[in-house]
Amino acid sequence: MDLETKEAEVFWPLYREYRTEMLKVNDRFVTLLTSYLESYDNLTDQQANKLLDDYVSIEKGRTAVKASTCRVSEGAARTEGGTLLPDRP
């Protein structure tokens, strides 16, 4: 990505934070998927419901990370004078 120095100083720390938080959520998904695959042949309704609840929780986690990062990056771009996000009318 071709960023100006000031833009890079704002963008890359935010991006690293986003990737770190998303990695945590994705690790939860891998654990869930592994559990599902290991119990697939003998999965009870109760276990399936638990897996589904966990999956919904993971998706909410992904959405929360994205929403949080967008709010932070928007504020950083505006307060640091960067051009990472277009100005709103």
C-alpha atoms as a PDB file:
ATOM      1  CA  MET A   1       0.000   0.000   0.000  1.00  0.00           C
ATOM      2  CA  ASP A   2       1.389   3.354  -1.000  1.00  0.00           C
ATOM      3  CA  LEU A   3       0.801   5.714   1.922  1.00  0.00           C
ATOM      4  CA  GLU A   4       2.356   9.014   2.789  1.00  0.00           C
ATOM      5  CA  THR A   5       4.510   8.929   5.933  1.00  0.00           C
ATOM      6  CA  LYS A   6       1.892  10.610   8.118  1.00  0.00           C
ATOM      7  CA  GLU A   7      -0.838   8.318   6.777  1.00  0.00           C
ATOM      8  CA  ALA A   8       1.317   5.235   7.414  1.00  0.00           C
ATOM      9  CA  GLU A   9       1.955   6.359  10.989  1.00  0.00           C
ATOM     10  CA  VAL A  10      -1.808   6.360  11.539  1.00  0.00           C
ATOM     11  CA  PHE A  11      -2.784   3.350   9.440  1.00  0.00           C
ATOM     12  CA  TRP A  12      -0.267   0.625  10.301  1.00  0.00           C
ATOM     13  CA  PRO A  13      -0.704   0.641  14.097  1.00  0.00           C
ATOM     14  CA  LEU A  14      -4.480   0.489  13.635  1.00  0.00           C
ATOM     15  CA  TYR A  15      -4.152  -2.298  11.103  1.00  0.00           C
ATOM     16  CA  ARG A  16      -1.868  -4.321  13.410  1.00  0.00           C
ATOM     17  CA  GLU A  17      -4.357  -3.895  16.250  1.00  0.00           C
ATOM     18  CA  TYR A  18      -7.198  -5.012  13.965  1.00  0.00           C
ATOM     19  CA  ARG A  19      -5.278  -8.100  12.829  1.00  0.00           C
ATOM     20  CA  THR A  20      -4.368  -8.991  16.429  1.00  0.00           C
ATOM     21  CA  GLU A  21      -7.980  -8.765  17.585  1.00  0.00           C
ATOM     22  CA  MET A  22      -9.294 -10.593  14.525  1.00  0.00           C
ATOM     23  CA  LEU A  23      -6.728 -13.360  15.084  1.00  0.00           C
ATOM     24  CA  LYS A  24      -8.205 -13.969  18.533  1.00  0.00           C
ATOM     25  CA  VAL A  25     -11.703 -14.273  17.084  1.00  0.00           C
ATOM     26  CA  ASN A  26     -10.516 -16.499  14.252  1.00  0.00           C
ATOM     27  CA  ASP A  27      -8.731 -18.760  16.746  1.00  0.00           C
ATOM     28  CA  ARG A  28     -12.102 -19.258  18.442  1.00  0.00           C
ATOM     29  CA  PHE A  29     -13.560 -20.254  15.071  1.00  0.00           C
ATOM     30  CA  VAL A  30     -10.815 -22.805  14.439  1.00  0.00           C
ATOM     31  CA  THR A  31     -11.447 -24.319  17.880  1.00  0.00           C
ATOM     32  CA  LEU A  32     -15.172 -24.464  17.137  1.00  0.00           C
ATOM     33  CA  LEU A  33     -14.641 -26.032  13.722  1.00  0.00           C
ATOM     34  CA  THR A  34     -12.257 -28.622  15.161  1.00  0.00           C
ATOM     35  CA  SER A  35     -14.787 -29.505  17.835  1.00  0.00           C
ATOM     36  CA  TYR A  36     -17.511 -29.858  15.219  1.00  0.00           C
ATOM     37  CA  LEU A  37     -15.398 -32.089  12.993  1.00  0.00           C
ATOM     38  CA  GLU A  38     -14.372 -34.297  15.907  1.00  0.00           C
ATOM     39  CA  SER A  39     -17.958 -34.828  17.052  1.00  0.00           C
ATOM     40  CA  TYR A  40     -19.730 -34.803  13.670  1.00  0.00           C
ATOM     41  CA  ASP A  41     -20.682 -38.506  13.608  1.00  0.00           C
ATOM     42  CA  ASN A  42     -22.098 -38.490  17.150  1.00  0.00           C
ATOM     43  CA  LEU A  43     -23.365 -34.924  17.456  1.00  0.00           C
ATOM     44  CA  THR A  44     -26.387 -34.556  19.712  1.00  0.00           C
ATOM     45  CA  ASP A  45     -28.977 -31.823  19.332  1.00  0.00           C
ATOM     46  CA  GLN A  46     -27.698 -30.240  22.523  1.00  0.00           C
ATOM     47  CA  GLN A  47     -24.124 -30.193  21.208  1.00  0.00           C
ATOM     48  CA  ALA A  48     -25.287 -28.826  17.856  1.00  0.00           C
ATOM     49  CA  ASN A  49     -27.167 -26.014  19.583  1.00  0.00           C
ATOM     50  CA  LYS A  50     -24.092 -25.188  21.677  1.00  0.00           C
ATOM     51  CA  LEU A  51     -21.923 -25.089  18.546  1.00  0.00           C
ATOM     52  CA  LEU A  52     -24.458 -22.851  16.842  1.00  0.00           C
ATOM     53  CA  ASP A  53     -24.547 -20.487  19.819  1.00  0.00           C
ATOM     54  CA  ASP A  54     -20.752 -20.389  19.825  1.00  0.00           C
ATOM     55  CA  TYR A  55     -20.696 -19.685  16.093  1.00  0.00           C
ATOM     56  CA  VAL A  56     -23.123 -16.776  16.467  1.00  0.00           C
ATOM     57  CA  SER A  57     -20.958 -15.424  19.292  1.00  0.00           C
ATOM     58  CA  ILE A  58     -17.877 -15.635  17.067  1.00  0.00           C
ATOM     59  CA  GLU A  59     -19.633 -13.774  14.254  1.00  0.00           C
ATOM     60  CA  LYS A  60     -20.681 -11.084  16.721  1.00  0.00           C
ATOM     61  CA  GLY A  61     -17.044 -10.883  17.810  1.00  0.00           C
ATOM     62  CA  ARG A  62     -15.906 -10.390  14.220  1.00  0.00           C
ATOM     63  CA  THR A  63     -18.474  -7.667  13.720  1.00  0.00           C
ATOM     64  CA  ALA A  64     -17.453  -5.962  16.969  1.00  0.00           C
ATOM     65  CA  VAL A  65     -13.781  -5.927  15.956  1.00  0.00           C
ATOM     66  CA  LYS A  66     -14.632  -4.459  12.558  1.00  0.00           C
ATOM     67  CA  ALA A  67     -16.941  -1.837  14.040  1.00  0.00           C
ATOM     68  CA  SER A  68     -14.414  -0.868  16.696  1.00  0.00           C
ATOM     69  CA  THR A  69     -11.613  -0.569  14.165  1.00  0.00           C
ATOM     70  CA  CYS A  70     -13.722   1.564  11.841  1.00  0.00           C
ATOM     71  CA  ARG A  71     -14.612   3.958  14.658  1.00  0.00           C
ATOM     72  CA  VAL A  72     -10.994   4.206  15.796  1.00  0.00           C
ATOM     73  CA  SER A  73      -9.580   4.651  12.299  1.00  0.00           C
ATOM     74  CA  GLU A  74     -12.178   7.282  11.420  1.00  0.00           C
ATOM     75  CA  GLY A  75     -11.256   9.301  14.491  1.00  0.00           C
ATOM     76  CA  ALA A  76      -7.540   8.847  13.891  1.00  0.00           C
ATOM     77  CA  ALA A  77      -7.791   9.889  10.261  1.00  0.00           C
ATOM     78  CA  ARG A  78      -9.698  13.006  11.158  1.00  0.00           C
ATOM     79  CA  THR A  79      -7.692  14.032  14.216  1.00  0.00           C
ATOM     80  CA  GLU A  80      -4.285  13.248  12.743  1.00  0.00           C
ATOM     81  CA  GLY A  81      -5.039  15.048   9.513  1.00  0.00           C
ATOM     82  CA  GLY A  82      -4.628  11.881   7.474  1.00  0.00           C
ATOM     83  CA  THR A  83      -6.584  11.001   4.363  1.00  0.00           C
ATOM     84  CA  LEU A  84      -7.324   7.390   5.204  1.00  0.00           C
ATOM     85  CA  LEU A  85     -11.052   7.940   5.003  1.00  0.00           C
ATOM     86  CA  PRO A  86     -12.973  10.276   2.763  1.00  0.00           C
ATOM     87  CA  ASP A  87     -14.488  13.286   4.452  1.00  0.00           C
ATOM     88  CA  ARG A  88     -18.202  13.099   5.004  1.00  0.00           C
ATOM     89  CA  PRO A  89     -20.372  15.929   3.748  1.00  0.00           C
END
